[in-house]
Amino acid sequence: MSASESSATFNAGPESAGSRPTSCRNQSRKLSAYTAVVVAKLREFAPYAALELVMPGGSLMALGLWLYRRQKRASLLAAP
């Protein structure tokens, strides 16, 4: 082993040893939380996207159905 290799090993911090800094762990947790939110939203819109792709005029039908269901849900939330 040469002198430059031994000094590089000695000067290496915890990042090079395979452990991640805490800021990197926090960022990966935030990223996974955001990913979960995005996947949940995509699952909510999946039936409307399928309707849009399969039926002729499906864009208007999907938009109308989405608005109807959203209006119905909003009225249920406002009820005492």
C-alpha atoms as a PDB file:
ATOM      1  CA  MET A   1       0.000   0.000   0.000  1.00  0.00           C
ATOM      2  CA  SER A   2       1.420   3.366  -0.969  1.00  0.00           C
ATOM      3  CA  ALA A   3       1.551   6.433   1.274  1.00  0.00           C
ATOM      4  CA  SER A   4      -1.210   8.200  -0.661  1.00  0.00           C
ATOM      5  CA  GLU A   5      -3.591   5.249  -0.250  1.00  0.00           C
ATOM      6  CA  SER A   6      -2.963   4.984   3.477  1.00  0.00           C
ATOM      7  CA  SER A   7      -3.516   8.713   4.002  1.00  0.00           C
ATOM      8  CA  ALA A   8      -6.702   8.594   1.909  1.00  0.00           C
ATOM      9  CA  THR A   9      -8.014   5.802   4.107  1.00  0.00           C
ATOM     10  CA  PHE A  10      -7.027   7.664   7.257  1.00  0.00           C
ATOM     11  CA  ASN A  11      -8.648  10.932   6.120  1.00  0.00           C
ATOM     12  CA  ALA A  12     -11.875   9.291   4.982  1.00  0.00           C
ATOM     13  CA  GLY A  13     -14.923  10.397   6.902  1.00  0.00           C
ATOM     14  CA  PRO A  14     -18.041   8.415   7.808  1.00  0.00           C
ATOM     15  CA  GLU A  15     -19.551   9.173   4.390  1.00  0.00           C
ATOM     16  CA  SER A  16     -16.982   7.011   2.630  1.00  0.00           C
ATOM     17  CA  ALA A  17     -17.345   4.187   5.169  1.00  0.00           C
ATOM     18  CA  GLY A  18     -20.864   3.444   3.914  1.00  0.00           C
ATOM     19  CA  SER A  19     -22.956   5.253   6.513  1.00  0.00           C
ATOM     20  CA  ARG A  20     -25.124   8.140   5.442  1.00  0.00           C
ATOM     21  CA  PRO A  21     -25.245  11.512   7.136  1.00  0.00           C
ATOM     22  CA  THR A  22     -28.459  12.300   8.980  1.00  0.00           C
ATOM     23  CA  SER A  23     -29.439  15.013   6.501  1.00  0.00           C
ATOM     24  CA  CYS A  24     -29.400  12.459   3.697  1.00  0.00           C
ATOM     25  CA  ARG A  25     -31.601  10.107   5.728  1.00  0.00           C
ATOM     26  CA  ASN A  26     -34.084  12.904   6.436  1.00  0.00           C
ATOM     27  CA  GLN A  27     -34.219  13.800   2.753  1.00  0.00           C
ATOM     28  CA  SER A  28     -34.880  10.203   1.769  1.00  0.00           C
ATOM     29  CA  ARG A  29     -37.700  10.006   4.333  1.00  0.00           C
ATOM     30  CA  LYS A  30     -39.230  13.197   2.944  1.00  0.00           C
ATOM     31  CA  LEU A  31     -38.889  11.867  -0.586  1.00  0.00           C
ATOM     32  CA  SER A  32     -40.619   8.618   0.327  1.00  0.00           C
ATOM     33  CA  ALA A  33     -43.424  10.548   2.037  1.00  0.00           C
ATOM     34  CA  TYR A  34     -43.907  12.738  -1.038  1.00  0.00           C
ATOM     35  CA  THR A  35     -43.841   9.651  -3.242  1.00  0.00           C
ATOM     36  CA  ALA A  36     -46.577   8.052  -1.143  1.00  0.00           C
ATOM     37  CA  VAL A  37     -48.743  11.166  -1.487  1.00  0.00           C
ATOM     38  CA  VAL A  38     -48.254  11.264  -5.268  1.00  0.00           C
ATOM     39  CA  VAL A  39     -49.112   7.562  -5.622  1.00  0.00           C
ATOM     40  CA  ALA A  40     -52.267   8.046  -3.542  1.00  0.00           C
ATOM     41  CA  LYS A  41     -53.359  10.947  -5.754  1.00  0.00           C
ATOM     42  CA  LEU A  42     -52.667   8.931  -8.911  1.00  0.00           C
ATOM     43  CA  ARG A  43     -54.777   6.058  -7.591  1.00  0.00           C
ATOM     44  CA  GLU A  44     -57.599   8.519  -7.009  1.00  0.00           C
ATOM     45  CA  PHE A  45     -57.528   9.617 -10.668  1.00  0.00           C
ATOM     46  CA  ALA A  46     -56.932   6.192 -12.237  1.00  0.00           C
ATOM     47  CA  PRO A  47     -60.599   5.363 -12.998  1.00  0.00           C
ATOM     48  CA  TYR A  48     -61.080   8.725 -14.682  1.00  0.00           C
ATOM     49  CA  ALA A  49     -57.964   8.258 -16.797  1.00  0.00           C
ATOM     50  CA  ALA A  50     -59.155   4.808 -17.879  1.00  0.00           C
ATOM     51  CA  LEU A  51     -62.562   6.214 -18.814  1.00  0.00           C
ATOM     52  CA  GLU A  52     -60.903   8.966 -20.800  1.00  0.00           C
ATOM     53  CA  LEU A  53     -58.690   6.568 -22.736  1.00  0.00           C
ATOM     54  CA  VAL A  54     -61.312   3.897 -23.493  1.00  0.00           C
ATOM     55  CA  MET A  55     -64.452   5.843 -24.407  1.00  0.00           C
ATOM     56  CA  PRO A  56     -64.948   8.297 -27.243  1.00  0.00           C
ATOM     57  CA  GLY A  57     -65.548  11.693 -25.674  1.00  0.00           C
ATOM     58  CA  GLY A  58     -64.166  10.248 -22.471  1.00  0.00           C
ATOM     59  CA  SER A  59     -62.424  13.471 -21.492  1.00  0.00           C
ATOM     60  CA  LEU A  60     -65.717  15.296 -21.074  1.00  0.00           C
ATOM     61  CA  MET A  61     -67.351  12.325 -19.385  1.00  0.00           C
ATOM     62  CA  ALA A  62     -64.444  11.870 -16.967  1.00  0.00           C
ATOM     63  CA  LEU A  63     -64.428  15.565 -16.132  1.00  0.00           C
ATOM     64  CA  GLY A  64     -68.181  15.571 -15.545  1.00  0.00           C
ATOM     65  CA  LEU A  65     -68.046  12.475 -13.358  1.00  0.00           C
ATOM     66  CA  TRP A  66     -65.126  13.869 -11.362  1.00  0.00           C
ATOM     67  CA  LEU A  67     -66.986  17.152 -10.784  1.00  0.00           C
ATOM     68  CA  TYR A  68     -70.169  15.307  -9.809  1.00  0.00           C
ATOM     69  CA  ARG A  69     -68.420  13.054  -7.310  1.00  0.00           C
ATOM     70  CA  ARG A  70     -66.422  15.972  -5.896  1.00  0.00           C
ATOM     71  CA  GLN A  71     -69.607  18.022  -5.414  1.00  0.00           C
ATOM     72  CA  LYS A  72     -71.288  15.079  -3.705  1.00  0.00           C
ATOM     73  CA  ARG A  73     -68.302  14.554  -1.378  1.00  0.00           C
ATOM     74  CA  ALA A  74     -68.162  18.267  -0.505  1.00  0.00           C
ATOM     75  CA  SER A  75     -71.849  18.284   0.462  1.00  0.00           C
ATOM     76  CA  LEU A  76     -71.337  15.241   2.712  1.00  0.00           C
ATOM     77  CA  LEU A  77     -68.443  16.937   4.474  1.00  0.00           C
ATOM     78  CA  ALA A  78     -70.490  20.107   5.052  1.00  0.00           C
ATOM     79  CA  ALA A  79     -73.428  18.207   6.630  1.00  0.00           C
ATOM     80  CA  PRO A  80     -73.650  18.440  10.444  1.00  0.00           C
END
